[in-house]
Structures are given as structure tokens and as C-alpha cells.
PDB file of N, CA and C in Angstrom:
ATOM      1  N   MET A   1       0.801  -1.195   0.000  1.00  0.00           N
ATOM      2  CA  MET A   1      -0.022  -0.003  -0.024  1.00  0.00           C
ATOM      3  C   MET A   1       0.869   1.259   0.017  1.00  0.00           C
ATOM      4  N   ALA A   2       2.033   1.167   0.600  1.00  0.00           N
ATOM      5  CA  ALA A   2       2.925   2.320   0.718  1.00  0.00           C
ATOM      6  C   ALA A   2       3.300   2.821  -0.704  1.00  0.00           C
ATOM      7  N   TRP A   3       3.551   1.852  -1.626  1.00  0.00           N
ATOM      8  CA  TRP A   3       3.915   2.251  -2.995  1.00  0.00           C
ATOM      9  C   TRP A   3       2.810   2.974  -3.729  1.00  0.00           C
ATOM     10  N   ALA A   4       1.549   2.544  -3.437  1.00  0.00           N
ATOM     11  CA  ALA A   4       0.387   3.242  -3.975  1.00  0.00           C
ATOM     12  C   ALA A   4       0.325   4.689  -3.503  1.00  0.00           C
ATOM     13  N   TYR A   5       0.575   4.863  -2.189  1.00  0.00           N
ATOM     14  CA  TYR A   5       0.588   6.256  -1.557  1.00  0.00           C
ATOM     15  C   TYR A   5       1.676   7.059  -2.246  1.00  0.00           C
ATOM     16  N   LEU A   6       2.820   6.472  -2.425  1.00  0.00           N
ATOM     17  CA  LEU A   6       3.955   7.147  -2.986  1.00  0.00           C
ATOM     18  C   LEU A   6       3.665   7.582  -4.414  1.00  0.00           C
ATOM     19  N   ILE A   7       3.143   6.685  -5.215  1.00  0.00           N
ATOM     20  CA  ILE A   7       2.758   7.002  -6.666  1.00  0.00           C
ATOM     21  C   ILE A   7       1.759   8.103  -6.645  1.00  0.00           C
ATOM     22  N   LEU A   8       0.712   8.089  -5.785  1.00  0.00           N
ATOM     23  CA  LEU A   8      -0.301   9.087  -5.726  1.00  0.00           C
ATOM     24  C   LEU A   8       0.298  10.395  -5.333  1.00  0.00           C
ATOM     25  N   GLY A   9       1.208  10.326  -4.316  1.00  0.00           N
ATOM     26  CA  GLY A   9       1.920  11.588  -3.983  1.00  0.00           C
ATOM     27  C   GLY A   9       2.754  12.210  -5.037  1.00  0.00           C
ATOM     28  N   GLY A  10       3.377  11.354  -5.875  1.00  0.00           N
ATOM     29  CA  GLY A  10       4.089  11.856  -7.007  1.00  0.00           C
ATOM     30  C   GLY A  10       3.211  12.476  -8.079  1.00  0.00           C
ATOM     31  N   LEU A  11       1.939  11.945  -8.235  1.00  0.00           N
ATOM     32  CA  LEU A  11       1.034  12.496  -9.118  1.00  0.00           C
ATOM     33  C   LEU A  11       0.526  13.886  -8.643  1.00  0.00           C
ATOM     34  N   PHE A  12       0.345  13.953  -7.341  1.00  0.00           N
ATOM     35  CA  PHE A  12      -0.064  15.305  -6.798  1.00  0.00           C
ATOM     36  C   PHE A  12       1.104  16.301  -6.953  1.00  0.00           C
ATOM     37  N   GLU A  13       2.374  15.801  -6.955  1.00  0.00           N
ATOM     38  CA  GLU A  13       3.483  16.718  -7.261  1.00  0.00           C
ATOM     39  C   GLU A  13       3.391  17.258  -8.636  1.00  0.00           C
ATOM     40  N   VAL A  14       2.990  16.455  -9.597  1.00  0.00           N
ATOM     41  CA  VAL A  14       2.665  16.976 -10.993  1.00  0.00           C
ATOM     42  C   VAL A  14       1.618  18.024 -10.867  1.00  0.00           C
ATOM     43  N   GLY A  15       0.605  17.742 -10.105  1.00  0.00           N
ATOM     44  CA  GLY A  15      -0.502  18.739  -9.944  1.00  0.00           C
ATOM     45  C   GLY A  15      -0.068  20.087  -9.418  1.00  0.00           C
ATOM     46  N   PHE A  16       0.855  20.025  -8.395  1.00  0.00           N
ATOM     47  CA  PHE A  16       1.220  21.309  -7.814  1.00  0.00           C
ATOM     48  C   PHE A  16       2.225  22.063  -8.734  1.00  0.00           C
ATOM     49  N   THR A  17       2.972  21.340  -9.468  1.00  0.00           N
ATOM     50  CA  THR A  17       3.895  22.085 -10.427  1.00  0.00           C
ATOM     51  C   THR A  17       3.025  22.679 -11.568  1.00  0.00           C
ATOM     52  N   THR A  18       2.035  21.973 -12.016  1.00  0.00           N
ATOM     53  CA  THR A  18       1.175  22.524 -13.034  1.00  0.00           C
ATOM     54  C   THR A  18       0.381  23.709 -12.552  1.00  0.00           C
ATOM     55  N   CYS A  19      -0.191  23.585 -11.318  1.00  0.00           N
ATOM     56  CA  CYS A  19      -0.923  24.745 -10.726  1.00  0.00           C
ATOM     57  C   CYS A  19       0.018  25.957 -10.539  1.00  0.00           C
ATOM     58  N   LEU A  20       1.301  25.685 -10.191  1.00  0.00           N
ATOM     59  CA  LEU A  20       2.205  26.732  -9.989  1.00  0.00           C
ATOM     60  C   LEU A  20       2.462  27.626 -11.251  1.00  0.00           C
ATOM     61  N   ARG A  21       2.322  26.924 -12.346  1.00  0.00           N
ATOM     62  CA  ARG A  21       2.506  27.665 -13.702  1.00  0.00           C
ATOM     63  C   ARG A  21       1.453  28.744 -13.825  1.00  0.00           C
ATOM     64  N   TYR A  22       0.246  28.397 -13.338  1.00  0.00           N
ATOM     65  CA  TYR A  22      -0.892  29.334 -13.499  1.00  0.00           C
ATOM     66  C   TYR A  22      -1.165  30.220 -12.299  1.00  0.00           C
ATOM     67  N   ALA A  23      -0.502  30.029 -11.181  1.00  0.00           N
ATOM     68  CA  ALA A  23      -0.771  30.765  -9.995  1.00  0.00           C
ATOM     69  C   ALA A  23      -0.508  32.242 -10.115  1.00  0.00           C
ATOM     70  N   ASP A  24       0.411  32.668 -11.039  1.00  0.00           N
ATOM     71  CA  ASP A  24       0.683  34.073 -11.337  1.00  0.00           C
ATOM     72  C   ASP A  24       1.095  34.756 -10.021  1.00  0.00           C
ATOM     73  N   GLY A  25       2.109  34.307  -9.412  1.00  0.00           N
ATOM     74  CA  GLY A  25       2.635  34.947  -8.244  1.00  0.00           C
ATOM     75  C   GLY A  25       1.675  34.805  -7.029  1.00  0.00           C
ATOM     76  N   PHE A  26       0.776  33.792  -7.039  1.00  0.00           N
ATOM     77  CA  PHE A  26      -0.221  33.501  -6.105  1.00  0.00           C
ATOM     78  C   PHE A  26      -1.336  34.563  -6.131  1.00  0.00           C
ATOM     79  N   ARG A  27      -1.465  35.249  -7.263  1.00  0.00           N
ATOM     80  CA  ARG A  27      -2.547  36.284  -7.426  1.00  0.00           C
ATOM     81  C   ARG A  27      -3.847  35.600  -8.004  1.00  0.00           C
ATOM     82  N   ASN A  28      -3.602  34.491  -8.732  1.00  0.00           N
ATOM     83  CA  ASN A  28      -4.751  33.701  -9.251  1.00  0.00           C
ATOM     84  C   ASN A  28      -5.202  32.707  -8.168  1.00  0.00           C
ATOM     85  N   VAL A  29      -6.238  33.060  -7.497  1.00  0.00           N
ATOM     86  CA  VAL A  29      -6.708  32.340  -6.272  1.00  0.00           C
ATOM     87  C   VAL A  29      -7.103  30.859  -6.620  1.00  0.00           C
ATOM     88  N   PRO A  30      -7.821  30.542  -7.595  1.00  0.00           N
ATOM     89  CA  PRO A  30      -8.181  29.113  -7.825  1.00  0.00           C
ATOM     90  C   PRO A  30      -6.924  28.236  -8.057  1.00  0.00           C
ATOM     91  N   TRP A  31      -5.987  28.779  -8.883  1.00  0.00           N
ATOM     92  CA  TRP A  31      -4.825  27.982  -9.138  1.00  0.00           C
ATOM     93  C   TRP A  31      -3.856  27.965  -7.915  1.00  0.00           C
ATOM     94  N   SER A  32      -3.896  29.051  -7.170  1.00  0.00           N
ATOM     95  CA  SER A  32      -3.096  29.012  -5.937  1.00  0.00           C
ATOM     96  C   SER A  32      -3.627  28.006  -4.941  1.00  0.00           C
ATOM     97  N   LEU A  33      -4.947  27.954  -4.763  1.00  0.00           N
ATOM     98  CA  LEU A  33      -5.578  26.944  -3.917  1.00  0.00           C
ATOM     99  C   LEU A  33      -5.280  25.544  -4.407  1.00  0.00           C
ATOM    100  N   GLY A  34      -5.403  25.345  -5.710  1.00  0.00           N
ATOM    101  CA  GLY A  34      -4.983  24.063  -6.295  1.00  0.00           C
ATOM    102  C   GLY A  34      -3.538  23.699  -5.940  1.00  0.00           C
ATOM    103  N   PHE A  35      -2.650  24.659  -6.028  1.00  0.00           N
ATOM    104  CA  PHE A  35      -1.269  24.390  -5.654  1.00  0.00           C
ATOM    105  C   PHE A  35      -1.179  24.019  -4.179  1.00  0.00           C
ATOM    106  N   LEU A  36      -1.860  24.807  -3.300  1.00  0.00           N
ATOM    107  CA  LEU A  36      -1.736  24.515  -1.859  1.00  0.00           C
ATOM    108  C   LEU A  36      -2.352  23.154  -1.520  1.00  0.00           C
ATOM    109  N   VAL A  37      -3.457  22.764  -2.062  1.00  0.00           N
ATOM    110  CA  VAL A  37      -3.982  21.478  -1.850  1.00  0.00           C
ATOM    111  C   VAL A  37      -3.089  20.358  -2.321  1.00  0.00           C
ATOM    112  N   SER A  38      -2.642  20.529  -3.615  1.00  0.00           N
ATOM    113  CA  SER A  38      -1.758  19.457  -4.185  1.00  0.00           C
ATOM    114  C   SER A  38      -0.509  19.307  -3.419  1.00  0.00           C
ATOM    115  N   VAL A  39       0.132  20.407  -3.091  1.00  0.00           N
ATOM    116  CA  VAL A  39       1.434  20.254  -2.398  1.00  0.00           C
ATOM    117  C   VAL A  39       1.262  19.649  -0.954  1.00  0.00           C
ATOM    118  N   THR A  40       0.138  20.021  -0.278  1.00  0.00           N
ATOM    119  CA  THR A  40      -0.091  19.385   1.003  1.00  0.00           C
ATOM    120  C   THR A  40      -0.364  17.846   0.858  1.00  0.00           C
ATOM    121  N   LEU A  41      -1.174  17.511  -0.047  1.00  0.00           N
ATOM    122  CA  LEU A  41      -1.445  16.057  -0.216  1.00  0.00           C
ATOM    123  C   LEU A  41      -0.216  15.321  -0.686  1.00  0.00           C
ATOM    124  N   SER A  42       0.571  15.913  -1.565  1.00  0.00           N
ATOM    125  CA  SER A  42       1.762  15.256  -2.056  1.00  0.00           C
ATOM    126  C   SER A  42       2.702  14.968  -0.898  1.00  0.00           C
ATOM    127  N   MET A  43       2.947  15.946  -0.083  1.00  0.00           N
ATOM    128  CA  MET A  43       3.888  15.781   1.047  1.00  0.00           C
ATOM    129  C   MET A  43       3.339  14.844   2.054  1.00  0.00           C
ATOM    130  N   LEU A  44       2.047  14.891   2.326  1.00  0.00           N
ATOM    131  CA  LEU A  44       1.468  13.946   3.269  1.00  0.00           C
ATOM    132  C   LEU A  44       1.620  12.518   2.813  1.00  0.00           C
ATOM    133  N   LEU A  45       1.327  12.314   1.610  1.00  0.00           N
ATOM    134  CA  LEU A  45       1.454  10.932   1.006  1.00  0.00           C
ATOM    135  C   LEU A  45       2.931  10.513   1.007  1.00  0.00           C
ATOM    136  N   LEU A  46       3.892  11.369   0.684  1.00  0.00           N
ATOM    137  CA  LEU A  46       5.295  11.009   0.821  1.00  0.00           C
ATOM    138  C   LEU A  46       5.589  10.604   2.230  1.00  0.00           C
ATOM    139  N   GLU A  47       5.138  11.360   3.187  1.00  0.00           N
ATOM    140  CA  GLU A  47       5.419  11.042   4.554  1.00  0.00           C
ATOM    141  C   GLU A  47       4.830   9.692   4.999  1.00  0.00           C
ATOM    142  N   ILE A  48       3.647   9.419   4.584  1.00  0.00           N
ATOM    143  CA  ILE A  48       3.030   8.091   4.882  1.00  0.00           C
ATOM    144  C   ILE A  48       3.798   6.947   4.252  1.00  0.00           C
ATOM    145  N   ALA A  49       4.151   7.183   2.953  1.00  0.00           N
ATOM    146  CA  ALA A  49       4.877   6.069   2.268  1.00  0.00           C
ATOM    147  C   ALA A  49       6.202   5.814   2.851  1.00  0.00           C
ATOM    148  N   SER A  50       6.823   6.877   3.394  1.00  0.00           N
ATOM    149  CA  SER A  50       8.243   6.755   3.924  1.00  0.00           C
ATOM    150  C   SER A  50       8.244   6.040   5.211  1.00  0.00           C
ATOM    151  N   ARG A  51       7.132   5.787   5.814  1.00  0.00           N
ATOM    152  CA  ARG A  51       7.064   5.001   7.016  1.00  0.00           C
ATOM    153  C   ARG A  51       7.431   3.480   6.726  1.00  0.00           C
ATOM    154  N   SER A  52       7.224   3.077   5.464  1.00  0.00           N
ATOM    155  CA  SER A  52       7.428   1.665   5.086  1.00  0.00           C
ATOM    156  C   SER A  52       8.538   1.564   4.057  1.00  0.00           C
ATOM    157  N   ILE A  53       8.746   2.542   3.282  1.00  0.00           N
ATOM    158  CA  ILE A  53       9.825   2.581   2.234  1.00  0.00           C
ATOM    159  C   ILE A  53      10.945   3.388   2.673  1.00  0.00           C
ATOM    160  N   PRO A  54      12.199   3.019   2.539  1.00  0.00           N
ATOM    161  CA  PRO A  54      13.309   3.776   2.890  1.00  0.00           C
ATOM    162  C   PRO A  54      13.221   5.139   2.434  1.00  0.00           C
ATOM    163  N   MET A  55      13.481   6.184   3.295  1.00  0.00           N
ATOM    164  CA  MET A  55      13.266   7.584   2.890  1.00  0.00           C
ATOM    165  C   MET A  55      13.981   7.997   1.659  1.00  0.00           C
ATOM    166  N   GLY A  56      15.205   7.528   1.430  1.00  0.00           N
ATOM    167  CA  GLY A  56      16.017   7.960   0.303  1.00  0.00           C
ATOM    168  C   GLY A  56      15.347   7.299  -0.983  1.00  0.00           C
ATOM    169  N   THR A  57      14.904   6.180  -0.934  1.00  0.00           N
ATOM    170  CA  THR A  57      14.186   5.547  -2.080  1.00  0.00           C
ATOM    171  C   THR A  57      12.912   6.238  -2.316  1.00  0.00           C
ATOM    172  N   ALA A  58      12.112   6.454  -1.257  1.00  0.00           N
ATOM    173  CA  ALA A  58      10.779   7.101  -1.356  1.00  0.00           C
ATOM    174  C   ALA A  58      10.985   8.461  -1.961  1.00  0.00           C
ATOM    175  N   TYR A  59      11.911   9.276  -1.540  1.00  0.00           N
ATOM    176  CA  TYR A  59      12.065  10.662  -1.993  1.00  0.00           C
ATOM    177  C   TYR A  59      12.541  10.603  -3.515  1.00  0.00           C
ATOM    178  N   ALA A  60      13.408   9.760  -3.794  1.00  0.00           N
ATOM    179  CA  ALA A  60      13.902   9.658  -5.187  1.00  0.00           C
ATOM    180  C   ALA A  60      12.775   9.214  -6.152  1.00  0.00           C
ATOM    181  N   VAL A  61      11.975   8.313  -5.742  1.00  0.00           N
ATOM    182  CA  VAL A  61      10.864   7.834  -6.570  1.00  0.00           C
ATOM    183  C   VAL A  61       9.756   8.964  -6.690  1.00  0.00           C
ATOM    184  N   TRP A  62       9.475   9.617  -5.561  1.00  0.00           N
ATOM    185  CA  TRP A  62       8.518  10.708  -5.548  1.00  0.00           C
ATOM    186  C   TRP A  62       8.925  11.833  -6.463  1.00  0.00           C
ATOM    187  N   THR A  63      10.183  12.231  -6.307  1.00  0.00           N
ATOM    188  CA  THR A  63      10.763  13.289  -7.151  1.00  0.00           C
ATOM    189  C   THR A  63      10.777  12.829  -8.601  1.00  0.00           C
ATOM    190  N   GLY A  64      11.102  11.642  -8.885  1.00  0.00           N
ATOM    191  CA  GLY A  64      11.167  11.148 -10.233  1.00  0.00           C
ATOM    192  C   GLY A  64       9.809  11.145 -10.954  1.00  0.00           C
ATOM    193  N   ILE A  65       8.834  10.694 -10.188  1.00  0.00           N
ATOM    194  CA  ILE A  65       7.415  10.729 -10.710  1.00  0.00           C
ATOM    195  C   ILE A  65       7.034  12.180 -11.014  1.00  0.00           C
ATOM    196  N   GLY A  66       7.342  13.049 -10.109  1.00  0.00           N
ATOM    197  CA  GLY A  66       7.008  14.427 -10.298  1.00  0.00           C
ATOM    198  C   GLY A  66       7.708  14.996 -11.475  1.00  0.00           C
ATOM    199  N   ALA A  67       9.020  14.732 -11.630  1.00  0.00           N
ATOM    200  CA  ALA A  67       9.791  15.258 -12.729  1.00  0.00           C
ATOM    201  C   ALA A  67       9.250  14.720 -14.082  1.00  0.00           C
ATOM    202  N   LEU A  68       9.071  13.401 -14.081  1.00  0.00           N
ATOM    203  CA  LEU A  68       8.610  12.746 -15.265  1.00  0.00           C
ATOM    204  C   LEU A  68       7.248  13.317 -15.751  1.00  0.00           C
ATOM    205  N   GLY A  69       6.323  13.342 -14.767  1.00  0.00           N
ATOM    206  CA  GLY A  69       4.959  13.851 -15.118  1.00  0.00           C
ATOM    207  C   GLY A  69       5.035  15.296 -15.540  1.00  0.00           C
ATOM    208  N   THR A  70       5.834  16.112 -14.928  1.00  0.00           N
ATOM    209  CA  THR A  70       5.942  17.514 -15.250  1.00  0.00           C
ATOM    210  C   THR A  70       6.532  17.675 -16.608  1.00  0.00           C
ATOM    211  N   VAL A  71       7.522  16.874 -17.027  1.00  0.00           N
ATOM    212  CA  VAL A  71       8.042  16.999 -18.358  1.00  0.00           C
ATOM    213  C   VAL A  71       7.025  16.627 -19.390  1.00  0.00           C
ATOM    214  N   ILE A  72       6.308  15.465 -19.072  1.00  0.00           N
ATOM    215  CA  ILE A  72       5.236  15.050 -20.111  1.00  0.00           C
ATOM    216  C   ILE A  72       4.174  16.151 -20.175  1.00  0.00           C
ATOM    217  N   ILE A  73       3.669  16.732 -19.089  1.00  0.00           N
ATOM    218  CA  ILE A  73       2.636  17.750 -19.118  1.00  0.00           C
ATOM    219  C   ILE A  73       3.211  18.951 -19.926  1.00  0.00           C
ATOM    220  N   GLY A  74       4.470  19.279 -19.664  1.00  0.00           N
ATOM    221  CA  GLY A  74       5.080  20.370 -20.408  1.00  0.00           C
ATOM    222  C   GLY A  74       5.073  20.171 -21.967  1.00  0.00           C
ATOM    223  N   MET A  75       5.395  18.911 -22.297  1.00  0.00           N
ATOM    224  CA  MET A  75       5.380  18.672 -23.774  1.00  0.00           C
ATOM    225  C   MET A  75       3.966  18.535 -24.349  1.00  0.00           C
ATOM    226  N   LEU A  76       3.027  17.979 -23.584  1.00  0.00           N
ATOM    227  CA  LEU A  76       1.673  17.853 -24.128  1.00  0.00           C
ATOM    228  C   LEU A  76       0.879  19.107 -24.086  1.00  0.00           C
ATOM    229  N   TRP A  77       0.870  19.833 -23.007  1.00  0.00           N
ATOM    230  CA  TRP A  77       0.005  20.983 -22.874  1.00  0.00           C
ATOM    231  C   TRP A  77       0.689  22.300 -23.049  1.00  0.00           C
ATOM    232  N   PHE A  78       1.965  22.392 -22.858  1.00  0.00           N
ATOM    233  CA  PHE A  78       2.649  23.745 -22.948  1.00  0.00           C
ATOM    234  C   PHE A  78       3.544  23.924 -24.100  1.00  0.00           C
ATOM    235  N   GLY A  79       3.488  22.963 -25.001  1.00  0.00           N
ATOM    236  CA  GLY A  79       4.307  23.076 -26.255  1.00  0.00           C
ATOM    237  C   GLY A  79       5.764  22.990 -26.103  1.00  0.00           C
ATOM    238  N   GLU A  80       6.313  22.407 -24.949  1.00  0.00           N
ATOM    239  CA  GLU A  80       7.671  22.240 -24.854  1.00  0.00           C
ATOM    240  C   GLU A  80       8.240  21.196 -25.856  1.00  0.00           C
ATOM    241  N   PRO A  81       9.499  21.345 -26.207  1.00  0.00           N
ATOM    242  CA  PRO A  81      10.035  20.474 -27.268  1.00  0.00           C
ATOM    243  C   PRO A  81       9.917  18.962 -26.931  1.00  0.00           C
ATOM    244  N   PHE A  82       9.448  18.264 -27.945  1.00  0.00           N
ATOM    245  CA  PHE A  82       9.350  16.805 -27.849  1.00  0.00           C
ATOM    246  C   PHE A  82      10.392  16.198 -28.857  1.00  0.00           C
ATOM    247  N   THR A  83      11.597  15.951 -28.376  1.00  0.00           N
ATOM    248  CA  THR A  83      12.702  15.451 -29.215  1.00  0.00           C
ATOM    249  C   THR A  83      13.013  14.013 -28.801  1.00  0.00           C
ATOM    250  N   LEU A  84      13.792  13.398 -29.670  1.00  0.00           N
ATOM    251  CA  LEU A  84      14.258  11.962 -29.471  1.00  0.00           C
ATOM    252  C   LEU A  84      15.117  12.040 -28.176  1.00  0.00           C
ATOM    253  N   LEU A  85      16.017  12.959 -27.999  1.00  0.00           N
ATOM    254  CA  LEU A  85      16.870  13.015 -26.810  1.00  0.00           C
ATOM    255  C   LEU A  85      16.072  13.173 -25.572  1.00  0.00           C
ATOM    256  N   ARG A  86      15.162  14.117 -25.567  1.00  0.00           N
ATOM    257  CA  ARG A  86      14.337  14.329 -24.340  1.00  0.00           C
ATOM    258  C   ARG A  86      13.521  13.054 -24.037  1.00  0.00           C
ATOM    259  N   SER A  87      13.027  12.393 -25.034  1.00  0.00           N
ATOM    260  CA  SER A  87      12.247  11.150 -24.857  1.00  0.00           C
ATOM    261  C   SER A  87      13.104  10.027 -24.230  1.00  0.00           C
ATOM    262  N   LEU A  88      14.355   9.983 -24.744  1.00  0.00           N
ATOM    263  CA  LEU A  88      15.296   8.908 -24.181  1.00  0.00           C
ATOM    264  C   LEU A  88      15.683   9.244 -22.737  1.00  0.00           C
ATOM    265  N   LEU A  89      15.824  10.495 -22.468  1.00  0.00           N
ATOM    266  CA  LEU A  89      16.108  10.923 -21.065  1.00  0.00           C
ATOM    267  C   LEU A  89      15.021  10.635 -20.138  1.00  0.00           C
ATOM    268  N   VAL A  90      13.763  10.843 -20.585  1.00  0.00           N
ATOM    269  CA  VAL A  90      12.523  10.556 -19.790  1.00  0.00           C
ATOM    270  C   VAL A  90      12.558   9.040 -19.569  1.00  0.00           C
ATOM    271  N   LEU A  91      12.845   8.210 -20.531  1.00  0.00           N
ATOM    272  CA  LEU A  91      12.828   6.805 -20.350  1.00  0.00           C
ATOM    273  C   LEU A  91      13.897   6.398 -19.331  1.00  0.00           C
ATOM    274  N   GLY A  92      15.030   7.202 -19.321  1.00  0.00           N
ATOM    275  CA  GLY A  92      16.014   6.981 -18.314  1.00  0.00           C
ATOM    276  C   GLY A  92      15.541   7.117 -16.910  1.00  0.00           C
ATOM    277  N   VAL A  93      14.709   8.221 -16.721  1.00  0.00           N
ATOM    278  CA  VAL A  93      14.151   8.485 -15.455  1.00  0.00           C
ATOM    279  C   VAL A  93      13.259   7.362 -15.051  1.00  0.00           C
ATOM    280  N   VAL A  94      12.417   6.863 -15.976  1.00  0.00           N
ATOM    281  CA  VAL A  94      11.519   5.720 -15.716  1.00  0.00           C
ATOM    282  C   VAL A  94      12.279   4.476 -15.319  1.00  0.00           C
ATOM    283  N   ALA A  95      13.389   4.250 -15.967  1.00  0.00           N
ATOM    284  CA  ALA A  95      14.227   3.079 -15.641  1.00  0.00           C
ATOM    285  C   ALA A  95      14.828   3.210 -14.283  1.00  0.00           C
ATOM    286  N   CYS A  96      15.213   4.451 -13.911  1.00  0.00           N
ATOM    287  CA  CYS A  96      15.746   4.583 -12.532  1.00  0.00           C
ATOM    288  C   CYS A  96      14.703   4.451 -11.508  1.00  0.00           C
ATOM    289  N   ILE A  97      13.516   4.954 -11.721  1.00  0.00           N
ATOM    290  CA  ILE A  97      12.417   4.765 -10.752  1.00  0.00           C
ATOM    291  C   ILE A  97      12.102   3.243 -10.603  1.00  0.00           C
ATOM    292  N   ALA A  98      11.985   2.549 -11.690  1.00  0.00           N
ATOM    293  CA  ALA A  98      11.714   1.122 -11.638  1.00  0.00           C
ATOM    294  C   ALA A  98      12.871   0.381 -10.975  1.00  0.00           C
ATOM    295  N   GLY A  99      14.137   0.787 -11.155  1.00  0.00           N
ATOM    296  CA  GLY A  99      15.212   0.129 -10.486  1.00  0.00           C
ATOM    297  C   GLY A  99      15.159   0.371  -8.938  1.00  0.00           C
ATOM    298  N   LEU A 100      14.841   1.536  -8.552  1.00  0.00           N
ATOM    299  CA  LEU A 100      14.677   1.807  -7.108  1.00  0.00           C
ATOM    300  C   LEU A 100      13.606   1.042  -6.500  1.00  0.00           C
ATOM    301  N   LYS A 101      12.464   0.894  -7.204  1.00  0.00           N
ATOM    302  CA  LYS A 101      11.390   0.050  -6.679  1.00  0.00           C
ATOM    303  C   LYS A 101      11.855  -1.395  -6.517  1.00  0.00           C
ATOM    304  N   LEU A 102      12.536  -1.899  -7.524  1.00  0.00           N
ATOM    305  CA  LEU A 102      12.923  -3.304  -7.521  1.00  0.00           C
ATOM    306  C   LEU A 102      13.984  -3.569  -6.454  1.00  0.00           C
ATOM    307  N   THR A 103      14.790  -2.653  -6.053  1.00  0.00           N
ATOM    308  CA  THR A 103      15.784  -2.854  -5.137  1.00  0.00           C
ATOM    309  C   THR A 103      15.440  -2.431  -3.686  1.00  0.00           C
ATOM    310  N   ALA A 104      14.234  -1.842  -3.525  1.00  0.00           N
ATOM    311  CA  ALA A 104      13.849  -1.465  -2.142  1.00  0.00           C
ATOM    312  C   ALA A 104      13.448  -2.665  -1.314  1.00  0.00           C
ATOM    313  N   HIS A 105      13.676  -2.618  -0.056  1.00  0.00           N
ATOM    314  CA  HIS A 105      13.384  -3.781   0.820  1.00  0.00           C
ATOM    315  C   HIS A 105      12.000  -3.592   1.480  1.00  0.00           C
TER     316      HIS A 105
END
């Protein structure tokens, strides 16, 4: 169950980075509230998951999910470059996340 919490927390990390793009210096209230809710849930889920998963592994996976998701959102929604090199680097992040999960005790 801890891994499910960790994955969900990583997805909320993607949510708070996306909301942050629209928060406009926290002047845009709905997006700012979305940021605050997402960051709170993300951190809470990371904390819960780290009770069972080694903290270094949990943090690396949580960060990796957030980075991966944010890059994908950037490419799909914000028109960021989608190149072969970026795609290969994203796959490298996925491989590292999978490797950490496979080696966690």
C-alpha cells in the first residue's frame, strides 16, 4: 500500500507544479488553492509512504514521478520540445524509478 501512496503523492506533485505555472505569483486564487491542496497532499502521501519505504528511495521515486510527469505535461500541454533525446532521457528516469522500486526492501 505504501507504494500506491507514493505514486499518488508523485502525481499530486505533478499537480502542484502545473498549478504553480498558472498561480501568477499567487494572485490567481483558484490555481493558488489548487497548488496548496496538491502540495499538502503530495507531502502527506510522501510522509506516509516513507514509514514503510526507505526515505532515500521514497524521496527519489516521488521526485522522479513528479519530474517525469511535469516533463510530459510540459510537452503535451505547454508546447515544450518533444525530441528524441528528451524522450530517451525521460525513459532513463523511468528506468531509474523502476530500479529503485525493484531494489527497495
